C-alpha cells in the first residue's frame, strides 16, 4: 500500500515543475497536504506571486476536506452556489473551487492527501498536478472532466 510522505511529495513537486517547464507555464506554486489537511510540502518557482501559496494550499485543502477535486467543487459552485458559499464561510475562506486541487489516492483507492497548484490557468495547474502525482506512482483524482 502506497502512502504519501515527504519523499513522494518531493517527487510530485519535481515532476509537476518539469511539466511546467515543458509547457512553459507561468511560475507555479505547489502545496502538498496529507489526508488530514496538514502541509507536507510547499514550493514555489522563482517569480511566483505572493498570493500563490495561499491559493495552492486552499485548492488542496478543499479537495481533502470535501473528498473531491477542486474542479468538482467548481462544478458544485456553478450548480449550488449558495451551498459552496456556505461551505467557504465554514472553511474560513479556504476553498478555491477551480481546477488545480487534485486528490491523491493510493493503490487501494484511499485518499492519502492532495496537491494544489496555482500560477497559470487553472486547467494547466491541474495538468501539472496530475503529472506530478502519477510520477510518484500514486493515483491522481481530478474528478470527471
Foldseek 3Di string as FASTA:
>chain_A
DDADALVLVVQLVVQLVVLCVVVVFFKKWKWKAFLVLHTRDIDTDPPADDCRRLQFSLQFSVCSVVVAGLQVVLVCCVVPVVVSVVVCVVVVNSHDNAAFKWFWAAPVRDGGGIMGMDGGPRVSNNVSSQSSSVSSVIHTGNDDD
